[in-house]
Protein backbone atom coordinates (compact mmCIF):
# COMPACT_ATOMS: atom_id res chain seq x y z
CA MET A 1 -4.46 84.13 -63.51
CA ARG A 2 -1.21 84.37 -65.80
CA PRO A 3 -0.93 82.16 -68.64
CA ARG A 4 2.29 80.47 -67.25
CA ASP A 5 0.38 79.37 -64.06
CA LEU A 6 -2.43 77.97 -66.20
CA THR A 7 -0.08 75.88 -68.03
CA PHE A 8 1.47 74.55 -64.80
CA ILE A 9 -2.02 73.39 -63.24
CA LEU A 10 -2.65 71.68 -66.71
CA LEU A 11 0.62 69.82 -66.58
CA SER A 12 0.14 68.70 -62.87
CA VAL A 13 -3.46 67.35 -63.51
CA LEU A 14 -2.22 65.38 -66.61
CA LEU A 15 0.50 63.79 -64.53
CA ALA A 16 -1.70 62.99 -61.75
CA ALA A 17 -4.35 61.44 -64.42
CA SER A 18 -1.53 59.37 -65.74
CA MET A 19 -0.12 58.11 -62.25
CA LEU A 20 -3.84 56.98 -61.02
CA THR A 21 -4.29 55.38 -64.62
CA ALA A 22 -1.17 53.26 -64.16
CA ALA A 23 -1.93 52.44 -60.36
CA PHE A 24 -5.53 50.96 -61.30
CA SER A 25 -4.62 49.23 -64.64
CA GLU A 26 -3.77 45.62 -65.01
CA PRO A 27 -0.18 44.54 -65.05
CA SER A 28 1.33 44.87 -69.08
CA ASP A 29 4.46 44.19 -70.52
CA GLY A 30 3.63 46.44 -73.55
CA SER A 31 1.36 47.71 -76.29
CA ALA A 32 -1.43 45.06 -76.01
CA GLU A 33 -4.70 46.90 -75.04
CA GLU A 34 -7.66 45.37 -73.24
CA SER A 35 -9.81 46.57 -75.97
CA ASP A 36 -8.33 44.53 -78.56
CA ILE A 37 -10.40 41.53 -77.51
CA SER A 38 -14.33 41.42 -76.86
CA ILE A 39 -15.49 38.60 -74.85
CA ILE A 40 -19.51 37.78 -75.34
CA TYR A 41 -21.49 35.24 -73.56
CA ASN A 42 -24.83 33.71 -74.61
CA LEU A 43 -26.08 33.53 -70.78
CA ASP A 44 -26.02 35.93 -67.92
CA TYR A 45 -25.65 33.15 -65.49
CA LEU A 46 -25.26 29.29 -65.64
CA GLU A 47 -27.69 26.49 -64.21
CA VAL A 48 -26.69 23.21 -63.61
CA LYS A 49 -28.38 20.19 -61.80
CA ALA A 50 -26.80 17.86 -59.33
CA GLY A 51 -25.37 15.03 -60.98
CA GLY A 52 -25.91 16.73 -64.46
CA THR A 53 -23.99 18.73 -66.89
CA SER A 54 -24.51 22.15 -68.53
CA THR A 55 -22.75 24.07 -71.33
CA ALA A 56 -22.46 27.59 -72.27
CA HIS A 57 -20.86 29.21 -75.30
CA ILE A 58 -18.34 31.95 -75.27
CA VAL A 59 -17.42 34.18 -78.33
CA VAL A 60 -13.84 35.84 -78.35
CA PHE A 61 -13.78 38.40 -80.79
CA ASN A 62 -10.78 40.47 -82.26
CA ILE A 63 -12.05 43.90 -82.63
CA LEU A 64 -9.04 45.23 -84.51
CA ASP A 65 -10.02 46.14 -88.35
CA LYS A 66 -8.69 43.46 -90.56
CA ALA A 67 -8.31 45.74 -93.48
CA THR A 68 -5.82 47.73 -91.96
CA GLU A 69 -4.30 45.87 -89.14
CA GLU A 70 -3.61 42.29 -90.76
CA THR A 71 -0.79 41.47 -88.45
CA GLU A 72 -2.50 42.29 -85.15
CA VAL A 73 -3.19 38.52 -84.29
CA ARG A 74 -4.01 38.01 -80.76
CA VAL A 75 -3.38 34.57 -78.90
CA VAL A 76 -5.57 33.89 -76.06
CA TYR A 77 -5.26 31.36 -73.05
CA ILE A 78 -8.48 30.60 -71.31
CA SER A 79 -9.13 29.22 -67.93
CA ALA A 80 -12.45 28.72 -65.88
CA MET A 81 -12.71 27.82 -62.10
CA VAL A 82 -15.75 27.46 -59.80
CA ASP A 83 -15.52 28.38 -56.07
CA ASP A 84 -17.57 25.20 -55.18
CA GLY A 85 -15.48 22.06 -55.08
CA HIS A 86 -18.78 19.90 -55.97
CA VAL A 87 -18.76 21.82 -59.52
CA GLU A 88 -16.10 20.86 -62.10
CA SER A 89 -15.41 23.00 -65.29
CA SER A 90 -13.94 22.12 -68.41
CA LEU A 91 -13.11 24.04 -71.70
CA ASP A 92 -12.87 22.51 -75.19
CA LYS A 93 -10.16 25.11 -76.05
CA THR A 94 -7.72 26.57 -73.73
CA MET A 95 -5.73 28.33 -76.22
CA ILE A 96 -6.95 30.06 -79.31
CA VAL A 97 -5.51 32.42 -82.30
CA VAL A 98 -7.91 35.08 -83.16
CA ASN A 99 -7.20 37.11 -86.27
CA PRO A 100 -8.14 40.82 -86.84
CA GLY A 101 -11.86 41.13 -87.36
CA GLU A 102 -12.63 37.41 -86.66
CA HIS A 103 -13.82 35.40 -83.87
CA GLU A 104 -13.55 32.09 -82.26
CA ASP A 105 -16.35 30.02 -80.37
CA ILE A 106 -15.51 28.10 -76.99
CA THR A 107 -17.66 25.79 -75.17
CA LEU A 108 -17.78 25.56 -71.37
CA THR A 109 -18.97 22.63 -69.79
CA LEU A 110 -19.91 22.44 -66.03
CA HIS A 111 -20.58 19.06 -64.30
CA ALA A 112 -22.10 18.99 -60.70
CA ASP A 113 -21.30 16.20 -58.38
CA PRO A 114 -24.49 13.90 -57.70
CA TYR A 115 -24.20 15.31 -53.85
CA SER A 116 -24.23 18.88 -54.75
CA ARG A 117 -26.38 21.02 -52.46
CA ASP A 118 -28.66 24.06 -53.57
CA THR A 119 -26.49 26.93 -53.96
CA THR A 120 -25.47 29.88 -56.00
CA ASP A 121 -21.34 29.72 -56.76
CA ASN A 122 -19.22 32.14 -58.79
CA LEU A 123 -17.47 30.78 -62.02
CA MET A 124 -14.22 32.73 -62.62
CA MET A 125 -13.28 33.33 -66.23
CA SER A 126 -9.85 34.36 -67.27
CA PHE A 127 -8.55 35.33 -70.57
CA LYS A 128 -4.73 36.24 -71.23
CA VAL A 129 -4.51 37.92 -74.51
CA VAL A 130 -1.05 37.87 -75.94
CA ASP A 131 0.43 39.87 -78.65
CA PRO A 132 2.89 37.39 -80.41
CA ASP A 133 4.95 40.23 -81.97
CA ASP A 134 6.16 42.14 -78.98
CA LYS A 135 5.07 39.26 -76.35
CA THR A 136 3.25 41.86 -74.21
CA PHE A 137 -0.07 40.58 -72.77
CA VAL A 138 -3.21 41.69 -70.80
CA ILE A 139 -5.47 39.69 -68.38
CA ILE A 140 -9.45 39.85 -68.76
CA GLU A 141 -11.28 38.57 -66.07
CA ASP A 142 -15.08 37.81 -65.68
CA GLU A 143 -17.09 36.45 -63.10
CA LEU A 144 -20.32 34.49 -63.74
CA GLN A 145 -22.87 33.22 -61.51
CA VAL A 146 -23.55 29.28 -61.22
CA LYS A 147 -26.93 28.24 -59.97
CA VAL A 148 -26.84 24.50 -58.71
CA SER A 149 -30.14 22.80 -57.91
CA SER A 150 -30.37 19.81 -56.23
CA SER A 151 -33.42 17.33 -55.61
CA LEU A 152 -31.68 16.09 -52.56
CA SER A 153 -31.31 19.27 -50.67
CA SER A 154 -33.88 20.22 -47.81
CA GLY A 155 -35.02 23.43 -49.88
CA SER A 156 -38.17 24.65 -48.59
CA ALA A 157 -38.93 21.62 -46.41
CA TYR A 158 -36.24 22.45 -43.97
CA ASN A 159 -37.58 22.57 -40.49
CA ARG A 160 -41.21 22.27 -41.68
CA ILE A 161 -43.97 20.01 -40.46
CA MET A 162 -44.32 17.62 -43.29
CA GLY A 163 -42.15 19.73 -45.19
CA VAL A 164 -45.03 22.32 -45.74
CA TRP A 165 -46.11 23.91 -42.34
CA GLU A 166 -43.98 26.00 -40.08
CA ASN A 167 -43.35 24.43 -36.63
CA PRO A 168 -45.64 26.52 -34.12
CA LEU A 169 -44.33 24.94 -31.16
CA PRO A 170 -42.22 26.76 -28.43
CA ALA A 171 -38.40 26.06 -28.05
CA PRO A 172 -36.81 23.62 -27.94
CA PHE A 173 -39.79 21.71 -29.74
CA ASN A 174 -39.40 24.10 -32.91
CA GLU A 175 -35.89 22.50 -33.65
CA PRO A 176 -35.53 20.45 -36.94
CA LEU A 177 -34.96 17.36 -34.98
CA TRP A 178 -38.35 17.69 -33.19
CA THR A 179 -40.03 18.77 -36.35
CA ALA A 180 -39.04 15.47 -38.28
CA ALA A 181 -40.05 13.51 -35.33
CA ILE A 182 -43.67 15.03 -35.26
CA SER A 183 -43.66 14.49 -39.25
CA PHE A 184 -42.61 10.96 -38.86
CA ALA A 185 -45.49 10.31 -36.23
CA ILE A 186 -47.74 11.82 -38.82
CA CYS A 187 -46.61 9.40 -41.50
CA ILE A 188 -47.14 6.43 -39.30
CA LEU A 189 -50.75 7.58 -38.42
CA ALA A 190 -51.45 8.33 -42.02
CA GLY A 191 -50.15 4.80 -42.80
CA LEU A 192 -52.48 3.10 -40.24
CA ILE A 193 -55.47 5.25 -41.43
CA VAL A 194 -54.99 4.05 -45.25
CA SER A 195 -54.26 0.40 -44.49
CA TYR A 196 -56.94 -0.24 -42.09
CA VAL A 197 -59.45 2.28 -42.85
CA VAL A 198 -59.47 3.47 -46.50
CA LEU A 199 -58.40 0.21 -48.16
CA PRO A 200 -61.45 -1.85 -46.58
CA LEU A 201 -63.73 1.00 -47.67
CA VAL A 202 -62.19 1.15 -51.32
CA LEU A 203 -62.47 -2.86 -51.63
CA HIS A 204 -66.09 -2.64 -50.55
CA VAL A 205 -67.31 -2.11 -53.97
CA PRO A 206 -65.58 -4.81 -55.88
CA PHE A 207 -65.64 -7.36 -53.14
CA ARG A 208 -68.95 -7.72 -51.32
CA ARG A 209 -67.97 -10.49 -49.40
CA LYS A 210 -66.31 -9.81 -46.23
CA GLU A 211 -63.98 -12.58 -46.19
CA ARG A 212 -62.54 -11.70 -49.30
CA ARG A 213 -61.92 -8.17 -48.11
CA ALA A 214 -60.59 -9.42 -44.84
CA GLU A 215 -57.97 -11.57 -46.79
CA ILE A 216 -56.69 -8.79 -49.14
CA VAL A 217 -56.55 -6.25 -46.18
CA GLU A 218 -54.37 -8.91 -44.27
CA SER A 219 -52.24 -9.56 -47.25
CA VAL A 220 -51.70 -6.01 -48.45
CA GLY A 221 -52.26 -3.57 -45.18
CA ASN A 222 -48.69 -4.14 -43.41
CA LEU A 223 -47.24 -3.67 -46.79
CA ILE A 224 -48.79 -0.36 -47.49
CA LEU A 225 -47.81 0.75 -43.87
CA LEU A 226 -44.40 -0.15 -44.63
CA PHE A 227 -44.43 1.84 -47.70
CA VAL A 228 -45.87 5.12 -45.99
CA VAL A 229 -43.24 4.53 -43.29
CA LEU A 230 -40.32 4.61 -45.69
CA SER A 231 -41.42 7.55 -47.86
CA GLY A 232 -41.55 9.38 -44.19
CA VAL A 233 -38.11 8.45 -43.38
CA THR A 234 -36.57 10.33 -46.46
CA LEU A 235 -38.91 13.26 -45.93
CA CYS A 236 -37.84 13.49 -42.25
CA LEU A 237 -34.16 13.69 -43.25
CA ARG A 238 -34.97 16.55 -45.39
CA ILE A 239 -36.93 18.37 -42.84
CA GLY A 240 -34.10 17.63 -40.39
CA GLY A 241 -31.42 18.80 -42.60
CA GLY A 242 -29.71 15.57 -43.28
CA GLY A 243 -26.81 15.74 -45.77
CA GLU A 244 -27.51 15.37 -49.67
CA TYR A 245 -25.40 11.95 -49.47
CA LEU A 246 -27.69 10.49 -46.67
CA VAL A 247 -30.68 11.63 -48.40
CA SER A 248 -29.37 9.96 -51.66
CA VAL A 249 -28.74 6.57 -49.95
CA SER A 250 -32.38 6.96 -48.01
CA GLN A 251 -33.94 7.54 -51.37
CA THR A 252 -32.18 4.41 -52.86
CA VAL A 253 -33.04 1.91 -50.22
CA SER A 254 -36.56 3.32 -50.18
CA ALA A 255 -36.82 3.01 -53.92
CA VAL A 256 -35.58 -0.44 -53.97
CA MET A 257 -37.91 -1.49 -50.90
CA PHE A 258 -40.82 0.30 -52.62
CA ILE A 259 -40.24 -1.87 -55.77
CA MET A 260 -40.03 -5.07 -53.57
CA ILE A 261 -43.25 -4.10 -51.48
CA GLY A 262 -45.06 -3.18 -54.86
CA ALA A 263 -44.10 -6.64 -56.26
CA LEU A 264 -45.35 -8.40 -53.14
CA VAL A 265 -48.45 -6.27 -53.11
CA ALA A 266 -49.22 -7.06 -56.84
CA TRP A 267 -48.44 -10.78 -56.16
CA ARG A 268 -50.93 -10.99 -53.41
CA LEU A 269 -53.68 -9.02 -55.00
CA TYR A 270 -52.81 -11.00 -58.22
CA ARG A 271 -53.24 -14.38 -56.51
CA VAL A 272 -56.33 -13.47 -54.61
CA VAL A 273 -58.00 -12.11 -57.71
CA ILE A 274 -57.05 -14.96 -59.69
CA ARG A 275 -58.38 -17.49 -57.55
CA PHE A 276 -61.76 -15.76 -56.95
CA LEU A 277 -62.02 -14.67 -60.62
CA LEU A 278 -61.60 -18.32 -61.93
CA SER A 279 -63.87 -19.72 -59.16
CA ASP A 280 -66.55 -17.38 -60.10
CA LEU A 281 -66.18 -18.07 -63.66
CA ALA A 282 -66.23 -22.01 -63.17
CA LYS A 283 -69.65 -21.34 -61.08
CA ASN A 284 -71.61 -18.71 -62.90
CA VAL A 285 -70.21 -18.65 -66.41
CA ASP A 286 -70.37 -21.37 -68.90
CA LEU A 287 -66.72 -21.10 -70.48
CA LYS A 288 -65.26 -24.16 -71.76
CA GLY A 289 -61.97 -25.27 -70.04
CA ILE A 290 -62.07 -22.41 -67.37
CA ASP A 291 -62.05 -23.88 -63.87
CA GLU A 292 -59.84 -23.72 -60.71
CA SER A 293 -57.43 -26.11 -62.29
CA LEU A 294 -55.92 -23.10 -64.04
CA ILE A 295 -55.21 -21.46 -61.18
CA PRO A 296 -51.38 -22.96 -60.83
CA LEU A 297 -50.78 -21.91 -64.43
CA PHE A 298 -51.89 -18.26 -63.98
CA LYS A 299 -49.94 -18.24 -60.64
CA MET A 300 -46.64 -19.07 -62.19
CA LEU A 301 -47.13 -16.61 -65.24
CA GLY A 302 -48.06 -13.93 -62.74
CA LYS A 303 -45.00 -14.84 -60.67
CA ILE A 304 -42.74 -14.72 -63.63
CA GLY A 305 -44.01 -11.49 -64.92
CA ILE A 306 -43.96 -9.67 -61.69
CA ALA A 307 -40.59 -10.85 -60.48
CA THR A 308 -39.28 -9.77 -64.08
CA ILE A 309 -40.53 -6.33 -63.97
CA ALA A 310 -39.34 -5.90 -60.32
CA VAL A 311 -35.89 -7.03 -60.87
CA ALA A 312 -35.64 -4.78 -63.87
CA ALA A 313 -36.78 -1.72 -62.07
CA ILE A 314 -34.32 -2.40 -59.07
CA LEU A 315 -31.58 -2.65 -61.55
CA ALA A 316 -32.46 0.59 -63.24
CA THR A 317 -32.83 2.19 -59.72
CA LEU A 318 -29.40 1.07 -59.00
CA GLY A 319 -28.04 2.82 -62.15
CA PHE A 320 -27.44 -0.34 -64.43
CA ASN A 321 -27.82 -0.39 -68.13
CA LEU A 322 -30.98 -2.09 -68.77
CA TYR A 323 -30.11 -2.24 -72.44
CA ALA A 324 -27.08 -4.18 -71.74
CA ILE A 325 -28.59 -6.51 -69.33
CA ILE A 326 -31.60 -7.18 -71.88
CA THR A 327 -29.16 -7.89 -74.51
CA GLY A 328 -26.91 -10.29 -72.45
CA ALA A 329 -30.15 -12.05 -71.37
CA GLY A 330 -31.27 -12.52 -74.76
CA ILE A 331 -27.98 -14.10 -75.62
CA ALA A 332 -27.88 -16.33 -72.48
CA GLY A 333 -31.49 -17.23 -73.26
CA LEU A 334 -30.66 -18.21 -76.73
CA ALA A 335 -27.77 -20.55 -75.55
CA VAL A 336 -30.05 -22.00 -72.94
CA SER A 337 -32.87 -22.54 -75.32
CA LEU A 338 -30.45 -24.33 -77.61
CA GLY A 339 -29.12 -26.64 -74.80
CA ALA A 340 -32.23 -27.27 -73.27
CA GLN A 341 -34.61 -27.75 -76.28
CA SER A 342 -36.37 -30.94 -74.98
CA MET A 343 -37.19 -29.19 -71.43
CA LEU A 344 -38.64 -26.44 -73.12
CA GLN A 345 -40.73 -28.57 -75.45
CA GLN A 346 -42.00 -30.09 -72.37
CA PHE A 347 -42.74 -26.89 -70.48
CA PHE A 348 -44.82 -25.28 -73.52
CA SER A 349 -46.52 -28.41 -74.17
CA GLY A 350 -47.58 -28.47 -70.45
CA VAL A 351 -48.50 -24.68 -71.22
CA THR A 352 -50.75 -25.79 -74.27
CA LEU A 353 -52.33 -28.69 -72.11
CA LEU A 354 -53.27 -26.33 -69.38
CA ILE A 355 -54.63 -23.94 -71.64
CA THR A 356 -56.41 -25.79 -74.46
CA ARG A 357 -57.77 -28.41 -72.00
CA PRO A 358 -58.03 -31.64 -73.90
CA PHE A 359 -58.34 -33.52 -70.51
CA LYS A 360 -58.47 -32.88 -66.93
CA PRO A 361 -57.83 -34.91 -63.82
CA GLY A 362 -60.14 -37.77 -63.58
CA ASP A 363 -61.01 -38.14 -67.44
CA MET A 364 -60.58 -41.42 -69.19
CA ILE A 365 -58.52 -41.13 -72.32
CA ARG A 366 -56.78 -42.93 -75.04
CA LEU A 367 -53.47 -41.82 -76.44
CA GLY A 368 -52.28 -42.60 -79.91
CA THR A 369 -52.84 -46.09 -81.31
CA ASP A 370 -52.77 -47.80 -77.91
CA ALA A 371 -56.22 -49.26 -77.03
CA ALA A 372 -55.28 -49.09 -73.26
CA MET A 373 -57.60 -46.87 -71.31
CA LEU A 374 -56.18 -44.39 -69.06
CA ARG A 375 -57.15 -42.37 -66.20
CA VAL A 376 -55.63 -38.76 -66.03
CA ARG A 377 -54.12 -38.42 -62.41
CA LYS A 378 -52.43 -34.90 -62.76
CA VAL A 379 -51.55 -32.39 -65.58
CA GLY A 380 -47.93 -30.67 -64.68
CA MET A 381 -45.90 -28.19 -66.36
CA MET A 382 -43.19 -30.81 -67.48
CA ASN A 383 -45.09 -34.04 -67.41
CA SER A 384 -48.42 -35.67 -66.67
CA GLN A 385 -49.47 -38.57 -64.66
CA PHE A 386 -51.72 -41.30 -65.67
CA GLU A 387 -53.16 -44.64 -64.36
CA ASN A 388 -53.94 -47.85 -66.18
CA TRP A 389 -57.48 -48.44 -65.80
CA GLU A 390 -57.34 -52.18 -65.71
CA ASN A 391 -54.14 -52.87 -63.56
CA ALA A 392 -53.80 -49.35 -61.63
CA GLU A 393 -50.48 -48.92 -62.79
CA LEU A 394 -49.23 -45.20 -62.21
CA PHE A 395 -46.92 -43.80 -64.82
CA CYS A 396 -45.77 -40.38 -66.09
CA LEU A 397 -45.38 -39.06 -69.72
CA PRO A 398 -43.55 -36.00 -70.98
CA ASN A 399 -46.12 -33.45 -71.90
CA ASN A 400 -44.43 -33.11 -75.51
CA MET A 401 -45.16 -36.98 -76.09
CA VAL A 402 -48.75 -36.30 -74.91
CA THR A 403 -49.53 -33.41 -77.27
CA SER A 404 -47.87 -35.12 -80.04
CA SER A 405 -50.17 -37.98 -79.87
CA ARG A 406 -53.86 -38.38 -80.95
CA ILE A 407 -55.81 -37.93 -77.64
CA ILE A 408 -59.35 -39.44 -77.52
CA ASN A 409 -61.22 -38.25 -74.58
CA MET A 410 -63.92 -40.85 -73.58
CA THR A 411 -65.39 -38.61 -70.57
CA GLY A 412 -64.29 -35.08 -71.64
CA GLU A 413 -67.87 -33.56 -71.64
CA ASN A 414 -69.73 -35.98 -69.15
CA ARG A 415 -69.63 -39.31 -67.62
CA ALA A 416 -72.13 -40.93 -69.86
CA TYR A 417 -70.84 -43.66 -72.39
CA ARG A 418 -72.59 -45.37 -75.14
CA THR A 419 -72.17 -49.24 -75.32
CA LEU A 420 -73.37 -52.13 -77.44
CA VAL A 421 -74.64 -55.28 -76.34
CA TYR A 422 -74.93 -58.22 -78.88
CA MET A 423 -77.04 -61.45 -78.66
CA ASN A 424 -77.45 -64.15 -81.17
CA VAL A 425 -80.71 -66.03 -81.74
CA ALA A 426 -81.76 -68.94 -84.02
CA TYR A 427 -83.07 -68.34 -87.49
CA ASP A 428 -86.47 -69.70 -86.67
CA THR A 429 -86.77 -66.93 -83.87
CA ASP A 430 -89.57 -64.30 -83.80
CA LEU A 431 -86.91 -61.36 -84.39
CA LYS A 432 -89.45 -58.69 -83.11
CA ARG A 433 -90.09 -60.56 -80.05
CA ALA A 434 -86.69 -60.87 -79.50
CA GLN A 435 -86.07 -57.12 -79.87
CA ASP A 436 -88.80 -56.19 -77.53
CA LEU A 437 -87.32 -58.50 -74.85
CA MET A 438 -83.83 -56.65 -75.29
CA MET A 439 -85.47 -53.28 -74.94
CA GLU A 440 -87.42 -54.45 -71.69
CA ALA A 441 -84.20 -55.40 -70.24
CA ALA A 442 -82.44 -52.24 -70.88
CA LEU A 443 -85.35 -50.13 -69.81
CA GLU A 444 -85.62 -52.09 -66.53
CA HIS A 445 -81.91 -51.50 -65.55
CA PRO A 446 -81.40 -48.47 -63.37
CA HIS A 447 -78.15 -47.14 -64.96
CA VAL A 448 -79.39 -47.07 -68.52
CA LEU A 449 -80.15 -43.45 -69.43
CA LYS A 450 -83.84 -43.25 -70.65
CA ASP A 451 -84.57 -39.82 -69.68
CA GLY A 452 -83.94 -38.10 -73.11
CA SER A 453 -80.71 -36.49 -72.07
CA PHE A 454 -79.06 -38.93 -74.72
CA ASP A 455 -80.48 -41.26 -77.10
CA LYS A 456 -82.71 -43.73 -75.86
CA PRO A 457 -82.07 -47.51 -76.09
CA SER A 458 -82.63 -48.90 -79.56
CA THR A 459 -82.12 -52.46 -81.18
CA ARG A 460 -81.39 -53.70 -84.72
CA VAL A 461 -80.43 -56.49 -86.94
CA THR A 462 -76.84 -56.42 -87.66
CA GLY A 463 -76.15 -59.86 -89.29
CA PHE A 464 -76.95 -63.17 -90.55
CA LEU A 465 -74.26 -65.70 -89.38
CA ASP A 466 -73.48 -69.29 -90.35
CA SER A 467 -75.71 -70.60 -87.25
CA SER A 468 -77.65 -67.58 -86.08
CA VAL A 469 -79.05 -64.17 -86.31
CA GLU A 470 -77.06 -61.26 -84.85
CA LEU A 471 -79.21 -58.57 -82.83
CA ARG A 472 -77.77 -55.42 -81.45
CA LEU A 473 -78.76 -53.36 -78.33
CA ALA A 474 -77.45 -49.79 -78.20
CA ILE A 475 -77.64 -47.96 -74.76
CA TYR A 476 -76.32 -44.99 -72.84
CA VAL A 477 -75.01 -45.70 -69.26
CA ASP A 478 -74.69 -43.06 -66.62
CA GLU A 479 -71.08 -44.05 -65.61
CA PHE A 480 -68.32 -44.69 -68.16
CA GLU A 481 -66.21 -46.75 -65.80
CA ASP A 482 -69.02 -49.12 -65.11
CA TYR A 483 -70.15 -49.51 -68.50
CA ALA A 484 -68.39 -53.00 -68.98
CA PHE A 485 -70.14 -54.17 -65.90
CA ILE A 486 -73.62 -52.75 -66.89
CA ALA A 487 -73.14 -54.48 -70.27
CA GLY A 488 -72.45 -57.80 -68.34
CA GLN A 489 -75.54 -57.50 -66.36
CA LEU A 490 -77.75 -56.59 -69.41
CA ARG A 491 -76.53 -59.90 -71.28
CA TRP A 492 -77.42 -61.85 -68.21
CA ALA A 493 -81.07 -60.42 -68.07
CA ILE A 494 -81.60 -60.71 -71.81
CA PHE A 495 -80.44 -64.23 -71.68
CA GLU A 496 -82.90 -65.02 -68.82
CA LYS A 497 -85.56 -63.38 -70.59
CA PHE A 498 -84.88 -65.34 -73.84
CA LYS A 499 -85.01 -68.74 -71.89
CA ALA A 500 -88.41 -67.70 -70.44
CA ASN A 501 -89.88 -66.85 -73.60
CA GLY A 502 -88.65 -69.89 -75.60
CA ILE A 503 -85.98 -68.19 -77.50
CA ASN A 504 -82.87 -70.17 -78.25
CA VAL A 505 -79.45 -68.75 -78.32
CA PRO A 506 -77.82 -71.20 -80.81
CA PHE A 507 -74.37 -72.42 -80.60
CA PRO A 508 -72.16 -73.34 -83.91
CA GLN A 509 -73.39 -76.66 -85.51
CA ARG A 510 -72.34 -78.29 -88.73
CA ASP A 511 -74.17 -80.98 -90.57
CA VAL A 512 -72.03 -83.77 -91.96
CA HIS A 513 -73.17 -85.85 -94.98
CA ILE A 514 -71.63 -89.21 -95.62
CA TYR A 515 -71.88 -90.66 -98.96
CA ARG A 516 -70.87 -94.66 -99.55
CA HIS A 517 -69.25 -95.43 -102.96
CA GLU A 518 -69.73 -98.97 -104.03
CA ALA A 519 -66.67 -100.68 -105.70
CA GLY A 520 -68.82 -101.80 -108.60
CA ASN A 521 -70.12 -98.36 -109.36
CA GLU A 522 -66.85 -96.79 -109.84
């Protein structure tokens, strides 16, 4: 081949190469080269959860040599866009200036809609690199994968029985609608088995008595069945391919219902357990002040506690800020407590009375310095009812007044009561004989305690009066409310015995001596 032909061929190849390069290169107005800027990502792909955010860091580096090309500054305009409309992207910087040999950091933030589905989208990153000297620019475009994960999507549960097993039935029974219906029927069957077969078996160990187990099953069984059915509704929506929004609504409604059902179950179980527990303690354990009369107090405390927890859980489920609610409730509670101090004092005094148990309904008490005897009718949370023992007058006292008074319970431990019977005899009486007769009268009375459970009857000389010697008979009677009547019967019996044995009960007498003075003797 001649040298001239070879030269012609080489020039033709170079020209064709330059034309191909111009055809496939990005539009450019001047000398800015794509190689001036290097883009570095810290992740190969981005992940974001539905309703959440995710961040990634991007480094834009000017690869020009700073020592020799100090004027080669590049201005970069950045934009980002995701194909899926449920995912939004944002940049902390949309324009940067990068000096030769230096870099700038950019933060990319992705936010997925709460109802986004499980999918993989493309994120298009665009960098417009501008040379500020000659206004030429070049555009660099990168594509990144964005993986969106959602707990609301059907996922692997789609068209699977109970979200686990493939539907082996022939068409059309292998369609998602039929698969969801079959799964729902299984949920109902499982709820029935748990409520009315498993629950009685579980309760057989702690509750031996059949009527107790039956009461709990009746109270809780239907609620457990409803709980299982609501769970099945959400599962069936996933199996049938329901949209993310529909599944979310179902989850929220189910969660609120679960909390309400859980609160009802807890309340019913609590009520049954408290009643049986206090009843058994009162019968079988010697614990002072523990009996069935405390049931109203424990019921009220349990109701307040369960309701408070349930309301807080429902508000949290609906997305409310519990910290703000608790803070507001604390401020409101402080205002209420300042404005209702008297009522709060009554309430907490009622709690104190029910816990410490200084008296109970039926007891005979004295309050403060008042000598009147009162019979306890009812101990309430705000006030207590008493009955005047002598006149049968019924009246109420605020509990804070009761707790601030001295309380003397005449029948707190038992109904027995010690009473004293006084008798007077003449100075010439055989005191030993008189004491024996008083003891004889006491021992003959059927309501005087003589079995040794309390001190036996006793007598003593208690005083020498102007006209008589005072004797005292000390006894315990079996019923406090009858002590005055029994004491009267004993006085009558002693008086009759004294008469039969010649012992006189003297009456006050005074000797008067009259002196006559004669006039001559003065």
